[in-house]
Amino acid sequence: MNRELLIKKWLDNELDPMELKAFQALEDHGDLVKLSDGLKHFKAPDYNTEQELQAVLSRLEPTKTDKSPGWVKPLIAIAAILTIFFGVTYYNSTLDTEINTLASEKTTIELPDASNATLNALSSIKFNNNRWTKNREVRLEGEAFFKVAKGSKFDVITDDGIVSVLGTQFNVKQRDNYFEVVCFEGLVGVSHGTNNVKLKPGDSYVVLDGKFIAKEKETLNAPAWLKNESHFQSMPYKEVLAEFERQYNITVSAESIDTTLLFTGIFSHEDMDLALKSITLPLNLTYRLQNDATIVLTRE
């Protein structure tokens, strides 16, 4: 769990035993506790940080006849700390939390209700902690696998459509002209344009370049990319190359290749040479490393 969420749950007295240990391990744990103890008698429902700081400073400003102003500086420092604390707290309450992954990177995050989202490479997710109890909603760009805790409706919003569930496991992929939702557990609702469909375990909803693509029943109990593999079933070769580039943070030049050809196969995320063989040999292609950042494909 990230530091910001740990501190928020601590302030709200919502830490479980494991989270409490993680909070106590923070480098500034002692300072946070001291600051909290000093703020117990303060309330700031509508706190204007600039106005309050000026008010405090004006009251603490020493007169010209004051011969011993030494006590003023510590109080000014305390006032500034309190002002910054209230200001940052208020400001953070209005912000969304955003997590991004880089090429060849994956990460799992815990959402405020203990739901989990695992992001694939070059993906981002955004949500608001303070509105979560009223609105379980995340915005996704890229690909993510969700394990949703039971509760109120949970929405995943993408540029291509909205996926709605109550408590289930599913994968959402939204890349350029590709939109895919796969249900692994429970019941998943997909809203895409004028279409509204319900997916049961094993069902998929796939749209490529604006056209619906029929897909065989999913037999896995989780997406293959969680185990560092990419699986394709009759997918245009351009989609295979795009995923390869994301997983290995490299550019593939395929100018002499027909990338509309359909590909069925698997490639690993852990061995680039093996992965290249997996996606080139079935199509009788050869490859060469042009530089450290580009691979050129040609036909034999």
Protein backbone atom coordinates (compact mmCIF):
# COMPACT_ATOMS: atom_id res chain seq x y z
CA MET A 1 0.00 0.00 0.00
CA ASN A 2 1.37 3.45 -0.87
CA ARG A 3 2.42 5.92 1.81
CA GLU A 4 -0.37 8.42 1.15
CA LEU A 5 -3.10 5.79 1.57
CA LEU A 6 -1.48 4.42 4.74
CA ILE A 7 -1.46 7.88 6.34
CA LYS A 8 -5.05 8.57 5.32
CA LYS A 9 -6.29 5.26 6.74
CA TRP A 10 -4.30 5.96 9.94
CA LEU A 11 -5.93 9.37 10.32
CA ASP A 12 -9.34 7.72 9.81
CA ASN A 13 -8.52 4.92 12.30
CA GLU A 14 -9.03 2.30 9.58
CA LEU A 15 -5.67 0.47 9.64
CA ASP A 16 -5.75 -3.30 10.03
CA PRO A 17 -2.88 -5.00 11.94
CA MET A 18 -0.76 -5.55 8.82
CA GLU A 19 -1.27 -1.98 7.64
CA LEU A 20 -0.45 -0.66 11.14
CA LYS A 21 2.92 -2.43 11.00
CA ALA A 22 3.59 -0.90 7.60
CA PHE A 23 2.64 2.56 8.92
CA GLN A 24 4.89 2.18 11.98
CA ALA A 25 7.77 1.31 9.62
CA LEU A 26 7.55 4.68 7.84
CA GLU A 27 10.62 6.85 8.37
CA ASP A 28 8.54 9.80 9.58
CA HIS A 29 6.17 7.72 11.73
CA GLY A 30 7.23 9.47 14.97
CA ASP A 31 6.82 12.95 13.49
CA LEU A 32 3.36 12.12 12.15
CA VAL A 33 2.22 10.83 15.55
CA LYS A 34 3.53 13.93 17.34
CA LEU A 35 1.87 16.20 14.81
CA SER A 36 -1.42 14.34 15.14
CA ASP A 37 -1.31 14.59 18.96
CA GLY A 38 -0.77 18.33 18.68
CA LEU A 39 -3.71 18.74 16.32
CA LYS A 40 -6.35 16.93 18.36
CA HIS A 41 -7.88 20.21 19.55
CA PHE A 42 -7.92 21.82 16.12
CA LYS A 43 -10.79 21.71 13.64
CA ALA A 44 -10.65 23.07 10.12
CA PRO A 45 -13.81 22.30 8.13
CA ASP A 46 -13.39 25.33 5.86
CA TYR A 47 -9.76 26.22 6.30
CA ASN A 48 -8.33 29.15 4.36
CA THR A 49 -4.60 28.52 4.68
CA GLU A 50 -3.37 31.90 3.47
CA GLN A 51 -5.83 33.90 5.57
CA GLU A 52 -5.12 31.92 8.74
CA LEU A 53 -1.36 32.12 8.31
CA GLN A 54 -1.52 35.91 7.99
CA ALA A 55 -3.76 36.12 11.04
CA VAL A 56 -1.38 34.04 13.14
CA LEU A 57 1.68 35.94 11.99
CA SER A 58 0.06 39.30 12.69
CA ARG A 59 -0.73 38.25 16.26
CA LEU A 60 2.80 36.97 16.79
CA GLU A 61 4.63 39.95 15.27
CA PRO A 62 6.83 41.51 17.98
CA THR A 63 6.61 45.22 18.81
CA LYS A 64 9.56 47.53 18.33
CA THR A 65 10.03 47.84 22.12
CA ASP A 66 10.18 44.10 22.65
CA LYS A 67 13.69 43.31 23.83
CA SER A 68 13.24 39.49 23.95
CA PRO A 69 11.55 38.20 20.83
CA GLY A 70 13.18 34.76 21.07
CA TRP A 71 9.86 33.01 21.74
CA VAL A 72 8.37 34.36 18.55
CA LYS A 73 10.34 32.32 16.01
CA PRO A 74 9.37 28.89 17.45
CA LEU A 75 5.70 29.90 17.51
CA ILE A 76 5.90 31.19 13.95
CA ALA A 77 7.43 27.88 12.89
CA ILE A 78 4.64 25.95 14.64
CA ALA A 79 2.02 28.15 13.02
CA ALA A 80 3.57 27.60 9.62
CA ILE A 81 3.65 23.83 10.13
CA LEU A 82 0.00 23.78 11.20
CA THR A 83 -0.99 25.95 8.26
CA ILE A 84 0.89 23.74 5.80
CA PHE A 85 -0.60 20.61 7.37
CA PHE A 86 -4.19 21.85 7.09
CA GLY A 87 -3.56 23.18 3.60
CA VAL A 88 -1.99 19.96 2.35
CA THR A 89 -4.73 17.87 3.97
CA TYR A 90 -7.48 19.93 2.35
CA TYR A 91 -5.69 19.99 -1.00
CA ASN A 92 -5.02 16.26 -1.01
CA SER A 93 -8.67 15.51 -0.22
CA THR A 94 -9.65 16.98 -3.58
CA LEU A 95 -7.01 15.12 -5.61
CA ASP A 96 -7.26 11.82 -7.43
CA THR A 97 -4.72 9.09 -6.82
CA GLU A 98 -3.02 8.06 -10.05
CA ILE A 99 -0.72 5.08 -10.58
CA ASN A 100 1.23 4.53 -13.80
CA THR A 101 3.39 1.70 -15.10
CA LEU A 102 6.33 1.98 -17.48
CA ALA A 103 7.16 -0.28 -20.41
CA SER A 104 8.03 -3.82 -19.22
CA GLU A 105 6.60 -3.01 -15.77
CA LYS A 106 3.64 -4.45 -13.87
CA THR A 107 2.29 -3.46 -10.47
CA THR A 108 -0.54 -4.40 -8.11
CA ILE A 109 -2.34 -1.77 -6.01
CA GLU A 110 -4.92 -2.08 -3.27
CA LEU A 111 -7.96 0.13 -3.70
CA PRO A 112 -9.67 1.78 -0.67
CA ASP A 113 -12.15 -1.10 -0.20
CA ALA A 114 -9.48 -3.85 -0.36
CA SER A 115 -10.23 -4.54 -4.04
CA ASN A 116 -7.07 -5.13 -6.09
CA ALA A 117 -6.00 -3.90 -9.51
CA THR A 118 -2.94 -5.27 -11.31
CA LEU A 119 -1.68 -3.01 -14.09
CA ASN A 120 0.04 -4.35 -17.19
CA ALA A 121 2.88 -2.46 -18.88
CA LEU A 122 2.27 1.15 -19.99
CA SER A 123 -1.03 1.49 -18.16
CA SER A 124 -2.54 3.96 -15.71
CA ILE A 125 -5.37 3.97 -13.20
CA LYS A 126 -6.95 6.89 -11.38
CA PHE A 127 -9.39 7.02 -8.44
CA ASN A 128 -10.47 9.28 -5.58
CA ASN A 129 -10.01 8.03 -2.01
CA ASN A 130 -12.42 10.47 -0.37
CA ARG A 131 -15.32 9.75 -2.71
CA TRP A 132 -14.77 6.01 -2.72
CA THR A 133 -17.43 5.03 -0.17
CA LYS A 134 -20.07 6.81 -2.26
CA ASN A 135 -18.66 6.03 -5.69
CA ARG A 136 -16.46 3.01 -6.42
CA GLU A 137 -15.05 4.23 -9.71
CA VAL A 138 -11.68 4.02 -11.46
CA ARG A 139 -10.49 5.41 -14.77
CA LEU A 140 -8.26 3.10 -16.77
CA GLU A 141 -5.91 3.63 -19.69
CA GLY A 142 -4.18 0.48 -20.86
CA GLU A 143 -4.79 -2.92 -19.31
CA ALA A 144 -5.59 -4.13 -15.81
CA PHE A 145 -6.90 -7.20 -14.02
CA PHE A 146 -9.37 -6.50 -11.21
CA LYS A 147 -10.35 -8.48 -8.13
CA VAL A 148 -13.33 -6.55 -6.78
CA ALA A 149 -14.53 -6.83 -3.20
CA LYS A 150 -18.27 -7.30 -2.79
CA GLY A 151 -20.22 -4.11 -2.19
CA SER A 152 -21.86 -1.35 -4.18
CA LYS A 153 -21.45 -1.03 -7.94
CA PHE A 154 -17.84 -0.85 -9.14
CA ASP A 155 -17.17 0.97 -12.44
CA VAL A 156 -14.09 0.86 -14.66
CA ILE A 157 -14.27 3.79 -17.07
CA THR A 158 -12.26 3.78 -20.30
CA ASP A 159 -12.34 5.89 -23.44
CA ASP A 160 -14.08 3.01 -25.23
CA GLY A 161 -16.63 1.86 -22.68
CA ILE A 162 -17.65 1.30 -19.06
CA VAL A 163 -17.36 -2.00 -17.20
CA SER A 164 -19.66 -2.40 -14.18
CA VAL A 165 -19.63 -5.12 -11.52
CA LEU A 166 -20.51 -5.76 -7.87
CA GLY A 167 -17.88 -8.29 -6.80
CA THR A 168 -15.94 -10.32 -9.34
CA GLN A 169 -12.69 -10.86 -11.26
CA PHE A 170 -12.18 -9.55 -14.78
CA ASN A 171 -9.64 -8.09 -17.20
CA VAL A 172 -10.01 -4.86 -19.16
CA LYS A 173 -7.77 -3.90 -22.07
CA GLN A 174 -8.12 -0.55 -23.84
CA ARG A 175 -5.36 0.25 -26.34
CA ASP A 176 -5.75 2.62 -29.28
CA ASN A 177 -8.39 0.90 -31.46
CA TYR A 178 -8.65 -2.22 -29.27
CA PHE A 179 -11.13 -2.80 -26.43
CA GLU A 180 -11.45 -6.12 -24.61
CA VAL A 181 -13.22 -7.28 -21.45
CA VAL A 182 -12.87 -10.84 -20.16
CA CYS A 183 -14.90 -12.16 -17.21
CA PHE A 184 -13.14 -14.71 -15.00
CA GLU A 185 -15.57 -14.78 -12.07
CA GLY A 186 -19.03 -13.42 -11.26
CA LEU A 187 -21.02 -11.30 -13.71
CA VAL A 188 -19.64 -8.34 -15.67
CA GLY A 189 -21.66 -5.64 -17.40
CA VAL A 190 -20.13 -3.87 -20.41
CA SER A 191 -21.47 -0.63 -21.86
CA HIS A 192 -19.93 0.12 -25.26
CA GLY A 193 -21.62 2.66 -27.50
CA THR A 194 -25.23 1.50 -27.85
CA ASN A 195 -24.36 -2.05 -26.75
CA ASN A 196 -24.99 -3.29 -23.22
CA VAL A 197 -23.96 -6.89 -22.59
CA LYS A 198 -23.54 -9.20 -19.61
CA LEU A 199 -20.52 -11.50 -19.44
CA LYS A 200 -20.40 -14.73 -17.46
CA PRO A 201 -17.15 -16.52 -16.50
CA GLY A 202 -15.20 -17.33 -19.66
CA ASP A 203 -17.09 -14.81 -21.80
CA SER A 204 -15.29 -12.01 -23.66
CA TYR A 205 -16.26 -8.77 -25.36
CA VAL A 206 -13.72 -7.69 -27.99
CA VAL A 207 -13.82 -4.73 -30.39
CA LEU A 208 -10.98 -4.15 -32.86
CA ASP A 209 -10.96 -1.13 -35.18
CA GLY A 210 -14.65 -0.57 -34.43
CA LYS A 211 -15.68 -4.15 -35.27
CA PHE A 212 -16.88 -6.78 -32.82
CA ILE A 213 -14.59 -9.84 -32.75
CA ALA A 214 -15.91 -13.24 -31.67
CA LYS A 215 -13.58 -15.04 -29.29
CA GLU A 216 -13.46 -18.58 -27.98
CA LYS A 217 -14.44 -19.32 -24.39
CA GLU A 218 -11.65 -18.37 -21.98
CA THR A 219 -10.37 -21.45 -20.14
CA LEU A 220 -7.77 -19.78 -17.91
CA ASN A 221 -8.74 -18.59 -14.42
CA ALA A 222 -6.74 -15.36 -14.82
CA PRO A 223 -5.12 -13.46 -17.71
CA ALA A 224 -1.89 -15.01 -18.98
CA TRP A 225 0.05 -11.74 -18.66
CA LEU A 226 -0.07 -12.06 -14.87
CA LYS A 227 2.32 -14.99 -15.34
CA ASN A 228 4.47 -13.00 -17.78
CA GLU A 229 3.06 -14.42 -21.00
CA SER A 230 0.99 -12.91 -23.81
CA HIS A 231 -1.52 -15.19 -25.54
CA PHE A 232 -3.10 -14.48 -28.92
CA GLN A 233 -5.87 -16.24 -30.80
CA SER A 234 -6.31 -15.14 -34.43
CA MET A 235 -5.16 -11.59 -33.66
CA PRO A 236 -3.75 -9.18 -36.27
CA TYR A 237 0.04 -9.28 -36.16
CA LYS A 238 0.18 -5.54 -35.43
CA GLU A 239 -1.43 -6.21 -32.03
CA VAL A 240 1.20 -8.84 -31.27
CA LEU A 241 4.03 -6.45 -32.14
CA ALA A 242 2.47 -3.63 -30.11
CA GLU A 243 2.31 -5.85 -27.02
CA PHE A 244 5.88 -7.05 -27.60
CA GLU A 245 7.06 -3.43 -27.70
CA ARG A 246 5.27 -2.67 -24.40
CA GLN A 247 6.69 -5.70 -22.62
CA TYR A 248 10.29 -5.20 -23.77
CA ASN A 249 10.43 -1.40 -24.12
CA ILE A 250 11.75 -1.65 -27.67
CA THR A 251 10.66 -0.55 -31.14
CA VAL A 252 9.89 -3.12 -33.84
CA SER A 253 10.22 -2.08 -37.48
CA ALA A 254 7.95 -4.19 -39.71
CA GLU A 255 7.64 -2.02 -42.80
CA SER A 256 8.11 -4.95 -45.18
CA ILE A 257 5.65 -7.19 -43.28
CA ASP A 258 1.89 -7.44 -43.71
CA THR A 259 0.84 -6.74 -40.12
CA THR A 260 -2.82 -7.52 -40.83
CA LEU A 261 -1.97 -11.24 -40.95
CA LEU A 262 -3.64 -13.18 -38.15
CA PHE A 263 -1.41 -14.71 -35.49
CA THR A 264 -2.09 -17.45 -32.94
CA GLY A 265 0.56 -18.13 -30.35
CA ILE A 266 2.32 -17.16 -27.13
CA PHE A 267 5.39 -15.15 -26.20
CA SER A 268 7.22 -14.83 -22.89
CA HIS A 269 7.88 -11.53 -21.11
CA GLU A 270 11.09 -12.84 -19.52
CA ASP A 271 13.33 -13.78 -22.47
CA MET A 272 13.37 -11.43 -25.46
CA ASP A 273 15.26 -13.74 -27.79
CA LEU A 274 12.86 -16.61 -27.07
CA ALA A 275 9.90 -14.25 -27.44
CA LEU A 276 11.17 -13.05 -30.83
CA LYS A 277 11.46 -16.61 -32.07
CA SER A 278 7.94 -17.33 -30.83
CA ILE A 279 6.42 -14.50 -32.87
CA THR A 280 8.58 -14.74 -36.01
CA LEU A 281 9.17 -18.45 -36.77
CA PRO A 282 5.44 -19.30 -37.25
CA LEU A 283 5.25 -16.61 -39.97
CA ASN A 284 8.63 -17.44 -41.56
CA LEU A 285 10.09 -14.09 -40.53
CA THR A 286 13.65 -13.18 -39.57
CA TYR A 287 14.81 -10.43 -37.26
CA ARG A 288 17.92 -8.45 -36.51
CA LEU A 289 18.81 -5.95 -33.82
CA GLN A 290 19.48 -2.67 -35.60
CA ASN A 291 20.55 -0.90 -32.42
CA ASP A 292 19.83 -1.19 -28.73
CA ALA A 293 16.31 0.15 -29.23
CA THR A 294 15.09 -1.20 -32.59
CA ILE A 295 14.39 -4.66 -34.03
CA VAL A 296 13.89 -5.02 -37.78
CA LEU A 297 11.67 -7.81 -39.14
CA THR A 298 11.98 -9.18 -42.67
CA ARG A 299 10.50 -12.12 -44.54
CA GLU A 300 12.76 -15.05 -45.35
